[in-house]
Amino acid sequence: MSGLRRFWFPVQGHLGIGVTAESREAAEQLATETATRLNWPLDVASTIDDVDVRDLDEKHVIPNMGAVVWRGVWFPQLK
């Protein structure tokens, strides 16, 4: 995961958006694209940088997230 960081974007009324990217700016772009696609309100001011995924929701997020070691959105997983 060299050079990549994990970010968590809480979303009011939803669990949130998890992203792995090389910078906060890149993560915000990926999260914004996902939020737009889902029609979710995104407030990047509440972003958690370098999130420890063990701190995320154990019942919904952790069992349903994708790989956090590659660049991209790992929660929610969209097809």
C-alpha atoms as a PDB file:
ATOM      1  CA  MET A   1       0.000   0.000   0.000  1.00  0.00           C
ATOM      2  CA  SER A   2       3.006   2.217  -0.502  1.00  0.00           C
ATOM      3  CA  GLY A   3       2.028   5.831  -1.097  1.00  0.00           C
ATOM      4  CA  LEU A   4      -1.679   5.170  -0.542  1.00  0.00           C
ATOM      5  CA  ARG A   5      -3.827   6.308   2.379  1.00  0.00           C
ATOM      6  CA  ARG A   6      -7.296   5.335   3.596  1.00  0.00           C
ATOM      7  CA  PHE A   7     -10.029   7.933   4.035  1.00  0.00           C
ATOM      8  CA  TRP A   8     -13.532   7.751   5.477  1.00  0.00           C
ATOM      9  CA  PHE A   9     -16.185  10.232   4.411  1.00  0.00           C
ATOM     10  CA  PRO A  10     -19.168  10.145   6.807  1.00  0.00           C
ATOM     11  CA  VAL A  11     -22.440  10.793   4.982  1.00  0.00           C
ATOM     12  CA  GLN A  12     -25.466  12.055   6.876  1.00  0.00           C
ATOM     13  CA  GLY A  13     -28.263   9.492   6.708  1.00  0.00           C
ATOM     14  CA  HIS A  14     -25.907   6.817   5.361  1.00  0.00           C
ATOM     15  CA  LEU A  15     -22.906   4.909   6.701  1.00  0.00           C
ATOM     16  CA  GLY A  16     -20.294   6.709   4.629  1.00  0.00           C
ATOM     17  CA  ILE A  17     -17.818   6.282   1.791  1.00  0.00           C
ATOM     18  CA  GLY A  18     -14.444   4.576   2.183  1.00  0.00           C
ATOM     19  CA  VAL A  19     -11.645   5.423  -0.236  1.00  0.00           C
ATOM     20  CA  THR A  20      -7.989   4.537  -0.674  1.00  0.00           C
ATOM     21  CA  ALA A  21      -5.988   7.092  -2.647  1.00  0.00           C
ATOM     22  CA  GLU A  22      -2.613   8.759  -2.940  1.00  0.00           C
ATOM     23  CA  SER A  23      -3.839  12.075  -1.497  1.00  0.00           C
ATOM     24  CA  ARG A  24      -6.799  13.651   0.207  1.00  0.00           C
ATOM     25  CA  GLU A  25      -7.617  15.546  -2.984  1.00  0.00           C
ATOM     26  CA  ALA A  26      -7.715  12.321  -5.018  1.00  0.00           C
ATOM     27  CA  ALA A  27      -9.848  10.665  -2.335  1.00  0.00           C
ATOM     28  CA  GLU A  28     -12.282  13.601  -2.328  1.00  0.00           C
ATOM     29  CA  GLN A  29     -12.680  13.284  -6.089  1.00  0.00           C
ATOM     30  CA  LEU A  30     -13.477   9.563  -5.846  1.00  0.00           C
ATOM     31  CA  ALA A  31     -15.856  10.114  -2.913  1.00  0.00           C
ATOM     32  CA  THR A  32     -17.590  12.980  -4.719  1.00  0.00           C
ATOM     33  CA  GLU A  33     -18.115  10.825  -7.816  1.00  0.00           C
ATOM     34  CA  THR A  34     -19.598   8.062  -5.646  1.00  0.00           C
ATOM     35  CA  ALA A  35     -21.814  10.445  -3.661  1.00  0.00           C
ATOM     36  CA  THR A  36     -23.089  12.004  -6.891  1.00  0.00           C
ATOM     37  CA  ARG A  37     -23.853   8.590  -8.346  1.00  0.00           C
ATOM     38  CA  LEU A  38     -25.800   7.648  -5.196  1.00  0.00           C
ATOM     39  CA  ASN A  39     -27.359  11.108  -4.753  1.00  0.00           C
ATOM     40  CA  TRP A  40     -25.873  11.316  -1.242  1.00  0.00           C
ATOM     41  CA  PRO A  41     -24.953  14.601   0.468  1.00  0.00           C
ATOM     42  CA  LEU A  42     -21.183  14.726   0.920  1.00  0.00           C
ATOM     43  CA  ASP A  43     -19.464  17.009   3.411  1.00  0.00           C
ATOM     44  CA  VAL A  44     -15.715  16.603   2.915  1.00  0.00           C
ATOM     45  CA  ALA A  45     -15.032  18.718   6.017  1.00  0.00           C
ATOM     46  CA  SER A  46     -15.852  15.703   8.187  1.00  0.00           C
ATOM     47  CA  THR A  47     -13.392  13.394   6.418  1.00  0.00           C
ATOM     48  CA  ILE A  48     -11.330  11.062   8.570  1.00  0.00           C
ATOM     49  CA  ASP A  49      -7.788  10.846   7.200  1.00  0.00           C
ATOM     50  CA  ASP A  50      -5.812   7.616   7.661  1.00  0.00           C
ATOM     51  CA  VAL A  51      -8.865   5.847   9.036  1.00  0.00           C
ATOM     52  CA  ASP A  52      -8.318   2.581  10.888  1.00  0.00           C
ATOM     53  CA  VAL A  53     -10.938   0.304   9.328  1.00  0.00           C
ATOM     54  CA  ARG A  54     -11.223  -1.593  12.610  1.00  0.00           C
ATOM     55  CA  ASP A  55     -12.972   1.500  13.978  1.00  0.00           C
ATOM     56  CA  LEU A  56     -15.746   1.361  11.372  1.00  0.00           C
ATOM     57  CA  ASP A  57     -19.180  -0.229  11.786  1.00  0.00           C
ATOM     58  CA  GLU A  58     -18.657  -3.921  12.567  1.00  0.00           C
ATOM     59  CA  LYS A  59     -22.068  -5.067  11.380  1.00  0.00           C
ATOM     60  CA  HIS A  60     -22.403  -3.263   8.064  1.00  0.00           C
ATOM     61  CA  VAL A  61     -19.202  -1.647   6.829  1.00  0.00           C
ATOM     62  CA  ILE A  62     -16.498  -4.175   7.723  1.00  0.00           C
ATOM     63  CA  PRO A  63     -18.244  -7.288   6.341  1.00  0.00           C
ATOM     64  CA  ASN A  64     -19.264  -5.454   3.149  1.00  0.00           C
ATOM     65  CA  MET A  65     -16.170  -3.484   2.218  1.00  0.00           C
ATOM     66  CA  GLY A  66     -13.806  -4.251  -0.608  1.00  0.00           C
ATOM     67  CA  ALA A  67     -10.021  -4.381  -0.503  1.00  0.00           C
ATOM     68  CA  VAL A  68      -8.542  -1.314   1.185  1.00  0.00           C
ATOM     69  CA  VAL A  69      -5.029  -1.847  -0.183  1.00  0.00           C
ATOM     70  CA  TRP A  70      -5.759  -0.708  -3.748  1.00  0.00           C
ATOM     71  CA  ARG A  71      -6.686   2.734  -5.013  1.00  0.00           C
ATOM     72  CA  GLY A  72     -10.418   3.270  -5.222  1.00  0.00           C
ATOM     73  CA  VAL A  73     -13.706   3.221  -3.360  1.00  0.00           C
ATOM     74  CA  TRP A  74     -13.986   0.231  -1.032  1.00  0.00           C
ATOM     75  CA  PHE A  75     -17.273   1.150   0.622  1.00  0.00           C
ATOM     76  CA  PRO A  76     -19.894   1.025  -0.597  1.00  0.00           C
ATOM     77  CA  GLN A  77     -18.993  -1.435  -3.309  1.00  0.00           C
ATOM     78  CA  LEU A  78     -20.766  -0.388  -6.490  1.00  0.00           C
ATOM     79  CA  LYS A  79     -21.005  -2.313  -9.699  1.00  0.00           C
END
